[in-house]
Amino acid sequence: MAINHPKTVAEAVEIIHNNISLNDEILWATTIEDDLIDAYFALGHQIRHEYGLWTGNDALLESCRIISGNKDLHVDDASMVINVKEKNILNES
């Protein structure tokens, strides 16, 4: 059975946003960006694994590269682009 990974940052953020608990949403929205880096390893690992960044989801990686403006963005840094976009959405709500 094929896994349908998100192909864009917007799709990845939508999946996170639709599955986040209210407690996590509040915690995430109130975390300052510098402290977000502390959570990078755990959250980043989960995103890279679940969304196929380590296993060839080139479409999502390219979307992260476009948004970051870094055409050489590494897979390990791509999850941070998704994390920051989700945080921005939570701060707007």
C-alpha atoms as a PDB file:
ATOM      1  CA  MET A   1       0.000   0.000   0.000  1.00  0.00           C
ATOM      2  CA  ALA A   2       1.479   3.312  -1.077  1.00  0.00           C
ATOM      3  CA  ILE A   3       1.769   6.089   1.471  1.00  0.00           C
ATOM      4  CA  ASN A   4       0.474   9.469   0.357  1.00  0.00           C
ATOM      5  CA  HIS A   5       2.950  11.961   1.754  1.00  0.00           C
ATOM      6  CA  PRO A   6       2.247  15.683   1.510  1.00  0.00           C
ATOM      7  CA  LYS A   7       3.803  17.250  -1.567  1.00  0.00           C
ATOM      8  CA  THR A   8       3.903  20.843  -0.364  1.00  0.00           C
ATOM      9  CA  VAL A   9       4.602  22.717   2.838  1.00  0.00           C
ATOM     10  CA  ALA A  10       0.960  23.862   2.831  1.00  0.00           C
ATOM     11  CA  GLU A  11      -0.248  20.243   2.746  1.00  0.00           C
ATOM     12  CA  ALA A  12       2.152  19.239   5.530  1.00  0.00           C
ATOM     13  CA  VAL A  13       1.054  22.159   7.694  1.00  0.00           C
ATOM     14  CA  GLU A  14      -2.605  21.323   7.077  1.00  0.00           C
ATOM     15  CA  ILE A  15      -2.037  17.739   8.256  1.00  0.00           C
ATOM     16  CA  ILE A  16      -0.309  18.963  11.418  1.00  0.00           C
ATOM     17  CA  HIS A  17      -2.942  21.627  12.023  1.00  0.00           C
ATOM     18  CA  ASN A  18      -5.801  19.141  11.622  1.00  0.00           C
ATOM     19  CA  ASN A  19      -4.223  16.638  14.015  1.00  0.00           C
ATOM     20  CA  ILE A  20      -2.813  18.831  16.775  1.00  0.00           C
ATOM     21  CA  SER A  21      -4.413  18.731  20.212  1.00  0.00           C
ATOM     22  CA  LEU A  22      -5.701  21.936  21.785  1.00  0.00           C
ATOM     23  CA  ASN A  23      -3.044  21.743  24.519  1.00  0.00           C
ATOM     24  CA  ASP A  24      -0.272  21.279  21.944  1.00  0.00           C
ATOM     25  CA  GLU A  25      -1.728  24.069  19.816  1.00  0.00           C
ATOM     26  CA  ILE A  26      -1.615  26.499  22.745  1.00  0.00           C
ATOM     27  CA  LEU A  27       1.899  25.410  23.700  1.00  0.00           C
ATOM     28  CA  TRP A  28       3.105  25.639  20.101  1.00  0.00           C
ATOM     29  CA  ALA A  29       1.525  29.068  19.507  1.00  0.00           C
ATOM     30  CA  THR A  30       3.034  30.558  22.652  1.00  0.00           C
ATOM     31  CA  THR A  31       6.541  29.181  22.140  1.00  0.00           C
ATOM     32  CA  ILE A  32       8.976  31.816  20.948  1.00  0.00           C
ATOM     33  CA  GLU A  33      10.918  30.961  17.815  1.00  0.00           C
ATOM     34  CA  ASP A  34      14.252  30.691  19.631  1.00  0.00           C
ATOM     35  CA  ASP A  35      12.767  28.041  21.931  1.00  0.00           C
ATOM     36  CA  LEU A  36      11.275  26.270  18.929  1.00  0.00           C
ATOM     37  CA  ILE A  37      14.809  25.222  18.050  1.00  0.00           C
ATOM     38  CA  ASP A  38      14.906  23.220  21.294  1.00  0.00           C
ATOM     39  CA  ALA A  39      12.022  21.099  20.018  1.00  0.00           C
ATOM     40  CA  TYR A  40      13.598  20.812  16.567  1.00  0.00           C
ATOM     41  CA  PHE A  41      15.115  17.378  16.993  1.00  0.00           C
ATOM     42  CA  ALA A  42      11.980  15.583  18.195  1.00  0.00           C
ATOM     43  CA  LEU A  43       9.500  17.382  15.964  1.00  0.00           C
ATOM     44  CA  GLY A  44      11.879  17.481  13.028  1.00  0.00           C
ATOM     45  CA  HIS A  45      12.570  13.764  13.267  1.00  0.00           C
ATOM     46  CA  GLN A  46       8.856  13.009  13.299  1.00  0.00           C
ATOM     47  CA  ILE A  47       8.151  15.260  10.301  1.00  0.00           C
ATOM     48  CA  ARG A  48      11.089  13.932   8.300  1.00  0.00           C
ATOM     49  CA  HIS A  49      10.032  10.355   8.990  1.00  0.00           C
ATOM     50  CA  GLU A  50       6.241  10.632   8.649  1.00  0.00           C
ATOM     51  CA  TYR A  51       6.295  12.879   5.587  1.00  0.00           C
ATOM     52  CA  GLY A  52       8.917  10.932   3.699  1.00  0.00           C
ATOM     53  CA  LEU A  53      11.657  13.538   3.611  1.00  0.00           C
ATOM     54  CA  TRP A  54      14.250  10.860   4.384  1.00  0.00           C
ATOM     55  CA  THR A  55      12.797   8.442   1.873  1.00  0.00           C
ATOM     56  CA  GLY A  56      12.654  10.553  -1.253  1.00  0.00           C
ATOM     57  CA  ASN A  57       9.693  12.926  -0.969  1.00  0.00           C
ATOM     58  CA  ASP A  58      11.368  15.274  -3.425  1.00  0.00           C
ATOM     59  CA  ALA A  59       8.212  17.325  -4.008  1.00  0.00           C
ATOM     60  CA  LEU A  60       7.969  18.309  -0.325  1.00  0.00           C
ATOM     61  CA  LEU A  61      11.699  18.974  -0.116  1.00  0.00           C
ATOM     62  CA  GLU A  62      11.488  21.224  -3.176  1.00  0.00           C
ATOM     63  CA  SER A  63       8.519  23.077  -1.643  1.00  0.00           C
ATOM     64  CA  CYS A  64      10.583  23.665   1.515  1.00  0.00           C
ATOM     65  CA  ARG A  65      13.487  24.896  -0.619  1.00  0.00           C
ATOM     66  CA  ILE A  66      11.269  27.349  -2.481  1.00  0.00           C
ATOM     67  CA  ILE A  67       9.760  28.755   0.713  1.00  0.00           C
ATOM     68  CA  SER A  68      13.141  29.029   2.430  1.00  0.00           C
ATOM     69  CA  GLY A  69      14.802  30.574  -0.605  1.00  0.00           C
ATOM     70  CA  ASN A  70      17.616  28.036  -0.234  1.00  0.00           C
ATOM     71  CA  LYS A  71      17.928  25.812  -3.293  1.00  0.00           C
ATOM     72  CA  ASP A  72      20.387  23.596  -1.396  1.00  0.00           C
ATOM     73  CA  LEU A  73      18.281  23.198   1.766  1.00  0.00           C
ATOM     74  CA  HIS A  74      19.134  19.900   3.444  1.00  0.00           C
ATOM     75  CA  VAL A  75      16.454  17.376   4.341  1.00  0.00           C
ATOM     76  CA  ASP A  76      17.238  17.840   8.032  1.00  0.00           C
ATOM     77  CA  ASP A  77      16.482  21.567   7.773  1.00  0.00           C
ATOM     78  CA  ALA A  78      13.351  21.185   5.671  1.00  0.00           C
ATOM     79  CA  SER A  79      11.281  20.144   8.678  1.00  0.00           C
ATOM     80  CA  MET A  80      12.081  23.456  10.370  1.00  0.00           C
ATOM     81  CA  VAL A  81      10.443  25.276   7.442  1.00  0.00           C
ATOM     82  CA  ILE A  82       7.281  23.262   8.112  1.00  0.00           C
ATOM     83  CA  ASN A  83       7.523  23.873  11.876  1.00  0.00           C
ATOM     84  CA  VAL A  84       7.838  27.644  11.434  1.00  0.00           C
ATOM     85  CA  LYS A  85       4.927  27.793   8.954  1.00  0.00           C
ATOM     86  CA  GLU A  86       2.691  25.877  11.386  1.00  0.00           C
ATOM     87  CA  LYS A  87       3.675  28.196  14.233  1.00  0.00           C
ATOM     88  CA  ASN A  88       2.825  31.230  12.063  1.00  0.00           C
ATOM     89  CA  ILE A  89      -0.628  29.832  11.334  1.00  0.00           C
ATOM     90  CA  LEU A  90      -1.284  29.124  15.008  1.00  0.00           C
ATOM     91  CA  ASN A  91      -0.231  32.658  15.917  1.00  0.00           C
ATOM     92  CA  GLU A  92      -2.722  34.055  13.404  1.00  0.00           C
ATOM     93  CA  SER A  93      -5.652  32.147  14.933  1.00  0.00           C
END
